[in-house]
Amino acid sequence: EKYLPMMREAVKNGKAPGSSLALLEDRVALGQGKKQIYGSQIHRDQQTGKYFVAPIEDEPNVNKRRAAVGLEPLEDYARHWSIDYKVPNK
């Protein structure tokens, strides 16, 4: 949380990539008990050992937000974790 304003300013001034801000925004949101915005955070089910995408705010539009900050579609990102993910329709 402490570094979020600094990261926002760095991205605004072109000194940091938007994708780095997205990762931090998501991590902070989840830490505050909120849903993530960009779908960058993957969790692991302790019982099954399987990975899953942590809850996302306005999930049907997540790929629009990801594209805006230079992140690949969530379906492609999830595949790196062996997650079969499909963005839900509105």
PDB file of N, CA and C in Angstrom:
ATOM      1  N   GLU A   1       0.829  -1.192   0.000  1.00  0.00           N
ATOM      2  CA  GLU A   1       0.000   0.000   0.000  1.00  0.00           C
ATOM      3  C   GLU A   1       0.871   1.253   0.000  1.00  0.00           C
ATOM      4  N   LYS A   2       1.941   1.172   0.748  1.00  0.00           N
ATOM      5  CA  LYS A   2       2.835   2.316   0.907  1.00  0.00           C
ATOM      6  C   LYS A   2       3.387   2.806  -0.438  1.00  0.00           C
ATOM      7  N   TYR A   3       3.695   1.879  -1.339  1.00  0.00           N
ATOM      8  CA  TYR A   3       4.343   2.237  -2.592  1.00  0.00           C
ATOM      9  C   TYR A   3       3.381   2.455  -3.763  1.00  0.00           C
ATOM     10  N   LEU A   4       2.110   2.210  -3.539  1.00  0.00           N
ATOM     11  CA  LEU A   4       1.131   2.359  -4.610  1.00  0.00           C
ATOM     12  C   LEU A   4       1.093   3.777  -5.190  1.00  0.00           C
ATOM     13  N   PRO A   5       1.052   4.826  -4.379  1.00  0.00           N
ATOM     14  CA  PRO A   5       1.064   6.177  -4.956  1.00  0.00           C
ATOM     15  C   PRO A   5       2.334   6.465  -5.761  1.00  0.00           C
ATOM     16  N   MET A   6       3.463   5.976  -5.289  1.00  0.00           N
ATOM     17  CA  MET A   6       4.720   6.188  -6.015  1.00  0.00           C
ATOM     18  C   MET A   6       4.705   5.457  -7.351  1.00  0.00           C
ATOM     19  N   MET A   7       4.180   4.236  -7.369  1.00  0.00           N
ATOM     20  CA  MET A   7       4.112   3.465  -8.600  1.00  0.00           C
ATOM     21  C   MET A   7       3.142   4.124  -9.580  1.00  0.00           C
ATOM     22  N   ARG A   8       2.025   4.616  -9.096  1.00  0.00           N
ATOM     23  CA  ARG A   8       1.069   5.308  -9.975  1.00  0.00           C
ATOM     24  C   ARG A   8       1.732   6.516 -10.625  1.00  0.00           C
ATOM     25  N   GLU A   9       2.490   7.256  -9.858  1.00  0.00           N
ATOM     26  CA  GLU A   9       3.190   8.439 -10.369  1.00  0.00           C
ATOM     27  C   GLU A   9       4.258   8.033 -11.391  1.00  0.00           C
ATOM     28  N   ALA A  10       4.980   6.964 -11.113  1.00  0.00           N
ATOM     29  CA  ALA A  10       6.022   6.496 -12.031  1.00  0.00           C
ATOM     30  C   ALA A  10       5.420   6.078 -13.370  1.00  0.00           C
ATOM     31  N   VAL A  11       4.290   5.400 -13.336  1.00  0.00           N
ATOM     32  CA  VAL A  11       3.629   4.989 -14.578  1.00  0.00           C
ATOM     33  C   VAL A  11       3.130   6.224 -15.322  1.00  0.00           C
ATOM     34  N   LYS A  12       2.551   7.145 -14.601  1.00  0.00           N
ATOM     35  CA  LYS A  12       2.034   8.384 -15.192  1.00  0.00           C
ATOM     36  C   LYS A  12       3.149   9.153 -15.910  1.00  0.00           C
ATOM     37  N   ASN A  13       4.349   9.122 -15.343  1.00  0.00           N
ATOM     38  CA  ASN A  13       5.493   9.848 -15.900  1.00  0.00           C
ATOM     39  C   ASN A  13       6.330   9.007 -16.865  1.00  0.00           C
ATOM     40  N   GLY A  14       5.851   7.792 -17.172  1.00  0.00           N
ATOM     41  CA  GLY A  14       6.560   6.943 -18.121  1.00  0.00           C
ATOM     42  C   GLY A  14       7.820   6.307 -17.581  1.00  0.00           C
ATOM     43  N   LYS A  15       7.959   6.253 -16.260  1.00  0.00           N
ATOM     44  CA  LYS A  15       9.167   5.689 -15.651  1.00  0.00           C
ATOM     45  C   LYS A  15       8.988   4.243 -15.187  1.00  0.00           C
ATOM     46  N   ALA A  16       7.768   3.721 -15.324  1.00  0.00           N
ATOM     47  CA  ALA A  16       7.484   2.327 -14.969  1.00  0.00           C
ATOM     48  C   ALA A  16       6.367   1.835 -15.892  1.00  0.00           C
ATOM     49  N   PRO A  17       6.380   0.551 -16.223  1.00  0.00           N
ATOM     50  CA  PRO A  17       5.331   0.020 -17.095  1.00  0.00           C
ATOM     51  C   PRO A  17       3.996  -0.140 -16.358  1.00  0.00           C
ATOM     52  N   GLY A  18       2.924   0.033 -17.102  1.00  0.00           N
ATOM     53  CA  GLY A  18       1.584  -0.130 -16.526  1.00  0.00           C
ATOM     54  C   GLY A  18       1.360  -1.522 -15.984  1.00  0.00           C
ATOM     55  N   SER A  19       2.022  -2.497 -16.580  1.00  0.00           N
ATOM     56  CA  SER A  19       1.861  -3.876 -16.113  1.00  0.00           C
ATOM     57  C   SER A  19       2.373  -4.040 -14.679  1.00  0.00           C
ATOM     58  N   SER A  20       3.428  -3.324 -14.322  1.00  0.00           N
ATOM     59  CA  SER A  20       3.948  -3.401 -12.944  1.00  0.00           C
ATOM     60  C   SER A  20       2.953  -2.798 -11.961  1.00  0.00           C
ATOM     61  N   LEU A  21       2.327  -1.710 -12.367  1.00  0.00           N
ATOM     62  CA  LEU A  21       1.300  -1.097 -11.520  1.00  0.00           C
ATOM     63  C   LEU A  21       0.121  -2.047 -11.355  1.00  0.00           C
ATOM     64  N   ALA A  22      -0.272  -2.715 -12.428  1.00  0.00           N
ATOM     65  CA  ALA A  22      -1.394  -3.647 -12.366  1.00  0.00           C
ATOM     66  C   ALA A  22      -1.133  -4.753 -11.337  1.00  0.00           C
ATOM     67  N   LEU A  23       0.076  -5.301 -11.345  1.00  0.00           N
ATOM     68  CA  LEU A  23       0.416  -6.353 -10.384  1.00  0.00           C
ATOM     69  C   LEU A  23       0.308  -5.844  -8.952  1.00  0.00           C
ATOM     70  N   LEU A  24       0.806  -4.634  -8.723  1.00  0.00           N
ATOM     71  CA  LEU A  24       0.761  -4.064  -7.380  1.00  0.00           C
ATOM     72  C   LEU A  24      -0.668  -3.722  -6.975  1.00  0.00           C
ATOM     73  N   GLU A  25      -1.432  -3.146  -7.903  1.00  0.00           N
ATOM     74  CA  GLU A  25      -2.838  -2.818  -7.612  1.00  0.00           C
ATOM     75  C   GLU A  25      -3.593  -4.074  -7.178  1.00  0.00           C
ATOM     76  N   ASP A  26      -3.400  -5.169  -7.912  1.00  0.00           N
ATOM     77  CA  ASP A  26      -4.093  -6.415  -7.589  1.00  0.00           C
ATOM     78  C   ASP A  26      -3.659  -6.968  -6.241  1.00  0.00           C
ATOM     79  N   ARG A  27      -2.378  -6.955  -5.988  1.00  0.00           N
ATOM     80  CA  ARG A  27      -1.863  -7.498  -4.728  1.00  0.00           C
ATOM     81  C   ARG A  27      -2.407  -6.710  -3.537  1.00  0.00           C
ATOM     82  N   VAL A  28      -2.425  -5.397  -3.679  1.00  0.00           N
ATOM     83  CA  VAL A  28      -2.937  -4.538  -2.598  1.00  0.00           C
ATOM     84  C   VAL A  28      -4.437  -4.766  -2.407  1.00  0.00           C
ATOM     85  N   ALA A  29      -5.185  -4.820  -3.497  1.00  0.00           N
ATOM     86  CA  ALA A  29      -6.639  -5.026  -3.390  1.00  0.00           C
ATOM     87  C   ALA A  29      -6.950  -6.331  -2.661  1.00  0.00           C
ATOM     88  N   LEU A  30      -6.292  -7.403  -3.046  1.00  0.00           N
ATOM     89  CA  LEU A  30      -6.533  -8.690  -2.384  1.00  0.00           C
ATOM     90  C   LEU A  30      -6.125  -8.636  -0.916  1.00  0.00           C
ATOM     91  N   GLY A  31      -5.041  -7.949  -0.630  1.00  0.00           N
ATOM     92  CA  GLY A  31      -4.594  -7.797   0.756  1.00  0.00           C
ATOM     93  C   GLY A  31      -5.588  -7.030   1.608  1.00  0.00           C
ATOM     94  N   GLN A  32      -6.381  -6.185   0.959  1.00  0.00           N
ATOM     95  CA  GLN A  32      -7.411  -5.409   1.656  1.00  0.00           C
ATOM     96  C   GLN A  32      -8.752  -6.131   1.682  1.00  0.00           C
ATOM     97  N   GLY A  33      -8.773  -7.368   1.188  1.00  0.00           N
ATOM     98  CA  GLY A  33     -10.006  -8.141   1.189  1.00  0.00           C
ATOM     99  C   GLY A  33     -10.939  -7.794   0.031  1.00  0.00           C
ATOM    100  N   LYS A  34     -10.420  -7.099  -0.969  1.00  0.00           N
ATOM    101  CA  LYS A  34     -11.213  -6.731  -2.143  1.00  0.00           C
ATOM    102  C   LYS A  34     -10.889  -7.689  -3.281  1.00  0.00           C
ATOM    103  N   LYS A  35     -11.628  -7.545  -4.379  1.00  0.00           N
ATOM    104  CA  LYS A  35     -11.328  -8.328  -5.577  1.00  0.00           C
ATOM    105  C   LYS A  35     -10.237  -7.623  -6.363  1.00  0.00           C
ATOM    106  N   GLN A  36      -9.459  -8.405  -7.108  1.00  0.00           N
ATOM    107  CA  GLN A  36      -8.418  -7.808  -7.940  1.00  0.00           C
ATOM    108  C   GLN A  36      -9.027  -7.191  -9.198  1.00  0.00           C
ATOM    109  N   ILE A  37      -8.265  -6.338  -9.857  1.00  0.00           N
ATOM    110  CA  ILE A  37      -8.744  -5.592 -11.011  1.00  0.00           C
ATOM    111  C   ILE A  37      -8.274  -6.215 -12.320  1.00  0.00           C
ATOM    112  N   TYR A  38      -7.027  -6.687 -12.364  1.00  0.00           N
ATOM    113  CA  TYR A  38      -6.410  -7.147 -13.598  1.00  0.00           C
ATOM    114  C   TYR A  38      -6.239  -8.664 -13.704  1.00  0.00           C
ATOM    115  N   GLY A  39      -6.575  -9.385 -12.674  1.00  0.00           N
ATOM    116  CA  GLY A  39      -6.452 -10.844 -12.719  1.00  0.00           C
ATOM    117  C   GLY A  39      -5.020 -11.345 -12.711  1.00  0.00           C
ATOM    118  N   SER A  40      -4.128 -10.588 -12.115  1.00  0.00           N
ATOM    119  CA  SER A  40      -2.710 -10.965 -12.126  1.00  0.00           C
ATOM    120  C   SER A  40      -2.322 -11.920 -11.004  1.00  0.00           C
ATOM    121  N   GLN A  41      -3.182 -12.062 -10.026  1.00  0.00           N
ATOM    122  CA  GLN A  41      -2.821 -12.855  -8.860  1.00  0.00           C
ATOM    123  C   GLN A  41      -3.443 -14.249  -8.916  1.00  0.00           C
ATOM    124  N   ILE A  42      -2.585 -15.218  -8.815  1.00  0.00           N
ATOM    125  CA  ILE A  42      -2.971 -16.627  -8.850  1.00  0.00           C
ATOM    126  C   ILE A  42      -2.808 -17.197  -7.438  1.00  0.00           C
ATOM    127  N   HIS A  43      -3.800 -17.937  -7.009  1.00  0.00           N
ATOM    128  CA  HIS A  43      -3.739 -18.588  -5.695  1.00  0.00           C
ATOM    129  C   HIS A  43      -3.708 -20.100  -5.884  1.00  0.00           C
ATOM    130  N   ARG A  44      -3.376 -20.780  -4.813  1.00  0.00           N
ATOM    131  CA  ARG A  44      -3.289 -22.243  -4.849  1.00  0.00           C
ATOM    132  C   ARG A  44      -4.203 -22.831  -3.790  1.00  0.00           C
ATOM    133  N   ASP A  45      -5.033 -23.760  -4.188  1.00  0.00           N
ATOM    134  CA  ASP A  45      -5.924 -24.455  -3.269  1.00  0.00           C
ATOM    135  C   ASP A  45      -5.076 -25.387  -2.409  1.00  0.00           C
ATOM    136  N   GLN A  46      -5.087 -25.184  -1.110  1.00  0.00           N
ATOM    137  CA  GLN A  46      -4.233 -25.957  -0.201  1.00  0.00           C
ATOM    138  C   GLN A  46      -4.609 -27.439  -0.165  1.00  0.00           C
ATOM    139  N   GLN A  47      -5.876 -27.752  -0.405  1.00  0.00           N
ATOM    140  CA  GLN A  47      -6.299 -29.151  -0.351  1.00  0.00           C
ATOM    141  C   GLN A  47      -5.992 -29.902  -1.644  1.00  0.00           C
ATOM    142  N   THR A  48      -6.255 -29.270  -2.785  1.00  0.00           N
ATOM    143  CA  THR A  48      -6.071 -29.966  -4.061  1.00  0.00           C
ATOM    144  C   THR A  48      -4.716 -29.680  -4.691  1.00  0.00           C
ATOM    145  N   GLY A  49      -4.080 -28.584  -4.286  1.00  0.00           N
ATOM    146  CA  GLY A  49      -2.812 -28.193  -4.876  1.00  0.00           C
ATOM    147  C   GLY A  49      -2.960 -27.499  -6.225  1.00  0.00           C
ATOM    148  N   LYS A  50      -4.207 -27.321  -6.677  1.00  0.00           N
ATOM    149  CA  LYS A  50      -4.444 -26.698  -7.977  1.00  0.00           C
ATOM    150  C   LYS A  50      -4.438 -25.180  -7.863  1.00  0.00           C
ATOM    151  N   TYR A  51      -3.948 -24.542  -8.918  1.00  0.00           N
ATOM    152  CA  TYR A  51      -3.914 -23.084  -8.974  1.00  0.00           C
ATOM    153  C   TYR A  51      -5.226 -22.556  -9.535  1.00  0.00           C
ATOM    154  N   PHE A  52      -5.584 -21.342  -9.114  1.00  0.00           N
ATOM    155  CA  PHE A  52      -6.792 -20.695  -9.620  1.00  0.00           C
ATOM    156  C   PHE A  52      -6.588 -19.187  -9.611  1.00  0.00           C
ATOM    157  N   VAL A  53      -7.347 -18.514 -10.450  1.00  0.00           N
ATOM    158  CA  VAL A  53      -7.296 -17.055 -10.524  1.00  0.00           C
ATOM    159  C   VAL A  53      -8.101 -16.505  -9.353  1.00  0.00           C
ATOM    160  N   ALA A  54      -7.477 -15.635  -8.560  1.00  0.00           N
ATOM    161  CA  ALA A  54      -8.165 -15.021  -7.422  1.00  0.00           C
ATOM    162  C   ALA A  54      -9.343 -14.186  -7.947  1.00  0.00           C
ATOM    163  N   PRO A  55     -10.362 -13.950  -7.116  1.00  0.00           N
ATOM    164  CA  PRO A  55     -11.557 -13.219  -7.558  1.00  0.00           C
ATOM    165  C   PRO A  55     -11.247 -11.871  -8.208  1.00  0.00           C
ATOM    166  N   ILE A  56     -12.013 -11.575  -9.276  1.00  0.00           N
ATOM    167  CA  ILE A  56     -11.787 -10.375 -10.090  1.00  0.00           C
ATOM    168  C   ILE A  56     -13.030  -9.495 -10.107  1.00  0.00           C
ATOM    169  N   GLU A  57     -12.815  -8.204  -9.931  1.00  0.00           N
ATOM    170  CA  GLU A  57     -13.877  -7.202 -10.043  1.00  0.00           C
ATOM    171  C   GLU A  57     -14.247  -7.049 -11.515  1.00  0.00           C
ATOM    172  N   ASP A  58     -15.545  -6.985 -11.836  1.00  0.00           N
ATOM    173  CA  ASP A  58     -16.020  -6.796 -13.210  1.00  0.00           C
ATOM    174  C   ASP A  58     -15.281  -7.735 -14.159  1.00  0.00           C
ATOM    175  N   GLU A  59     -15.354  -9.005 -13.865  1.00  0.00           N
ATOM    176  CA  GLU A  59     -14.589 -10.032 -14.578  1.00  0.00           C
ATOM    177  C   GLU A  59     -14.822 -10.067 -16.097  1.00  0.00           C
ATOM    178  N   PRO A  60     -16.044  -9.843 -16.598  1.00  0.00           N
ATOM    179  CA  PRO A  60     -16.229  -9.881 -18.060  1.00  0.00           C
ATOM    180  C   PRO A  60     -15.371  -8.864 -18.825  1.00  0.00           C
ATOM    181  N   ASN A  61     -14.932  -7.799 -18.179  1.00  0.00           N
ATOM    182  CA  ASN A  61     -14.125  -6.771 -18.846  1.00  0.00           C
ATOM    183  C   ASN A  61     -12.644  -6.812 -18.480  1.00  0.00           C
ATOM    184  N   VAL A  62     -12.205  -7.880 -17.851  1.00  0.00           N
ATOM    185  CA  VAL A  62     -10.833  -7.945 -17.371  1.00  0.00           C
ATOM    186  C   VAL A  62      -9.812  -7.851 -18.511  1.00  0.00           C
ATOM    187  N   ASN A  63     -10.084  -8.457 -19.645  1.00  0.00           N
ATOM    188  CA  ASN A  63      -9.099  -8.420 -20.724  1.00  0.00           C
ATOM    189  C   ASN A  63      -8.950  -7.031 -21.333  1.00  0.00           C
ATOM    190  N   LYS A  64      -9.987  -6.215 -21.281  1.00  0.00           N
ATOM    191  CA  LYS A  64      -9.876  -4.826 -21.736  1.00  0.00           C
ATOM    192  C   LYS A  64      -8.912  -4.070 -20.830  1.00  0.00           C
ATOM    193  N   ARG A  65      -9.059  -4.271 -19.521  1.00  0.00           N
ATOM    194  CA  ARG A  65      -8.166  -3.598 -18.571  1.00  0.00           C
ATOM    195  C   ARG A  65      -6.737  -4.108 -18.714  1.00  0.00           C
ATOM    196  N   ARG A  66      -6.591  -5.408 -18.903  1.00  0.00           N
ATOM    197  CA  ARG A  66      -5.255  -6.000 -19.067  1.00  0.00           C
ATOM    198  C   ARG A  66      -4.571  -5.432 -20.305  1.00  0.00           C
ATOM    199  N   ALA A  67      -5.293  -5.359 -21.411  1.00  0.00           N
ATOM    200  CA  ALA A  67      -4.720  -4.840 -22.654  1.00  0.00           C
ATOM    201  C   ALA A  67      -4.282  -3.388 -22.488  1.00  0.00           C
ATOM    202  N   ALA A  68      -5.056  -2.618 -21.740  1.00  0.00           N
ATOM    203  CA  ALA A  68      -4.748  -1.193 -21.544  1.00  0.00           C
ATOM    204  C   ALA A  68      -3.416  -0.972 -20.823  1.00  0.00           C
ATOM    205  N   VAL A  69      -2.971  -1.967 -20.045  1.00  0.00           N
ATOM    206  CA  VAL A  69      -1.708  -1.818 -19.312  1.00  0.00           C
ATOM    207  C   VAL A  69      -0.606  -2.723 -19.865  1.00  0.00           C
ATOM    208  N   GLY A  70      -0.878  -3.339 -20.999  1.00  0.00           N
ATOM    209  CA  GLY A  70       0.152  -4.146 -21.647  1.00  0.00           C
ATOM    210  C   GLY A  70       0.247  -5.587 -21.186  1.00  0.00           C
ATOM    211  N   LEU A  71      -0.801  -6.111 -20.603  1.00  0.00           N
ATOM    212  CA  LEU A  71      -0.803  -7.512 -20.177  1.00  0.00           C
ATOM    213  C   LEU A  71      -1.504  -8.380 -21.223  1.00  0.00           C
ATOM    214  N   GLU A  72      -1.065  -9.626 -21.333  1.00  0.00           N
ATOM    215  CA  GLU A  72      -1.684 -10.573 -22.261  1.00  0.00           C
ATOM    216  C   GLU A  72      -3.088 -10.944 -21.773  1.00  0.00           C
ATOM    217  N   PRO A  73      -3.931 -11.497 -22.646  1.00  0.00           N
ATOM    218  CA  PRO A  73      -5.261 -11.941 -22.212  1.00  0.00           C
ATOM    219  C   PRO A  73      -5.148 -12.916 -21.039  1.00  0.00           C
ATOM    220  N   LEU A  74      -6.114 -12.861 -20.169  1.00  0.00           N
ATOM    221  CA  LEU A  74      -6.077 -13.680 -18.958  1.00  0.00           C
ATOM    222  C   LEU A  74      -6.066 -15.173 -19.283  1.00  0.00           C
ATOM    223  N   GLU A  75      -6.738 -15.571 -20.351  1.00  0.00           N
ATOM    224  CA  GLU A  75      -6.737 -16.984 -20.734  1.00  0.00           C
ATOM    225  C   GLU A  75      -5.307 -17.469 -20.996  1.00  0.00           C
ATOM    226  N   ASP A  76      -4.510 -16.641 -21.673  1.00  0.00           N
ATOM    227  CA  ASP A  76      -3.121 -17.009 -21.977  1.00  0.00           C
ATOM    228  C   ASP A  76      -2.264 -17.021 -20.714  1.00  0.00           C
ATOM    229  N   TYR A  77      -2.438 -16.020 -19.871  1.00  0.00           N
ATOM    230  CA  TYR A  77      -1.690 -15.939 -18.609  1.00  0.00           C
ATOM    231  C   TYR A  77      -1.996 -17.149 -17.730  1.00  0.00           C
ATOM    232  N   ALA A  78      -3.267 -17.514 -17.640  1.00  0.00           N
ATOM    233  CA  ALA A  78      -3.685 -18.632 -16.788  1.00  0.00           C
ATOM    234  C   ALA A  78      -3.064 -19.952 -17.258  1.00  0.00           C
ATOM    235  N   ARG A  79      -2.889 -20.092 -18.570  1.00  0.00           N
ATOM    236  CA  ARG A  79      -2.297 -21.317 -19.110  1.00  0.00           C
ATOM    237  C   ARG A  79      -0.890 -21.564 -18.572  1.00  0.00           C
ATOM    238  N   HIS A  80      -0.157 -20.488 -18.249  1.00  0.00           N
ATOM    239  CA  HIS A  80       1.187 -20.649 -17.673  1.00  0.00           C
ATOM    240  C   HIS A  80       1.122 -21.387 -16.331  1.00  0.00           C
ATOM    241  N   TRP A  81      -0.025 -21.342 -15.701  1.00  0.00           N
ATOM    242  CA  TRP A  81      -0.222 -21.970 -14.391  1.00  0.00           C
ATOM    243  C   TRP A  81      -1.029 -23.272 -14.512  1.00  0.00           C
ATOM    244  N   SER A  82      -1.220 -23.735 -15.741  1.00  0.00           N
ATOM    245  CA  SER A  82      -2.043 -24.938 -16.010  1.00  0.00           C
ATOM    246  C   SER A  82      -3.481 -24.740 -15.555  1.00  0.00           C
ATOM    247  N   ILE A  83      -3.971 -23.519 -15.726  1.00  0.00           N
ATOM    248  CA  ILE A  83      -5.350 -23.198 -15.381  1.00  0.00           C
ATOM    249  C   ILE A  83      -6.141 -23.072 -16.680  1.00  0.00           C
ATOM    250  N   ASP A  84      -7.246 -23.805 -16.777  1.00  0.00           N
ATOM    251  CA  ASP A  84      -8.129 -23.672 -17.928  1.00  0.00           C
ATOM    252  C   ASP A  84      -9.151 -22.589 -17.563  1.00  0.00           C
ATOM    253  N   TYR A  85      -8.904 -21.387 -18.054  1.00  0.00           N
ATOM    254  CA  TYR A  85      -9.724 -20.233 -17.665  1.00  0.00           C
ATOM    255  C   TYR A  85     -10.403 -19.634 -18.887  1.00  0.00           C
ATOM    256  N   LYS A  86     -11.633 -19.213 -18.707  1.00  0.00           N
ATOM    257  CA  LYS A  86     -12.367 -18.517 -19.751  1.00  0.00           C
ATOM    258  C   LYS A  86     -13.079 -17.342 -19.098  1.00  0.00           C
ATOM    259  N   VAL A  87     -12.874 -16.146 -19.662  1.00  0.00           N
ATOM    260  CA  VAL A  87     -13.542 -14.962 -19.136  1.00  0.00           C
ATOM    261  C   VAL A  87     -15.038 -15.140 -19.320  1.00  0.00           C
ATOM    262  N   PRO A  88     -15.820 -14.934 -18.255  1.00  0.00           N
ATOM    263  CA  PRO A  88     -17.291 -15.101 -18.383  1.00  0.00           C
ATOM    264  C   PRO A  88     -17.908 -13.980 -19.218  1.00  0.00           C
ATOM    265  N   ASN A  89     -19.025 -14.299 -19.851  1.00  0.00           N
ATOM    266  CA  ASN A  89     -19.779 -13.284 -20.579  1.00  0.00           C
ATOM    267  C   ASN A  89     -20.506 -12.374 -19.600  1.00  0.00           C
ATOM    268  N   LYS A  90     -20.886 -11.222 -20.096  1.00  0.00           N
ATOM    269  CA  LYS A  90     -21.622 -10.269 -19.238  1.00  0.00           C
ATOM    270  C   LYS A  90     -22.971 -10.807 -18.872  1.00  0.00           C
TER     271      LYS A  90
END
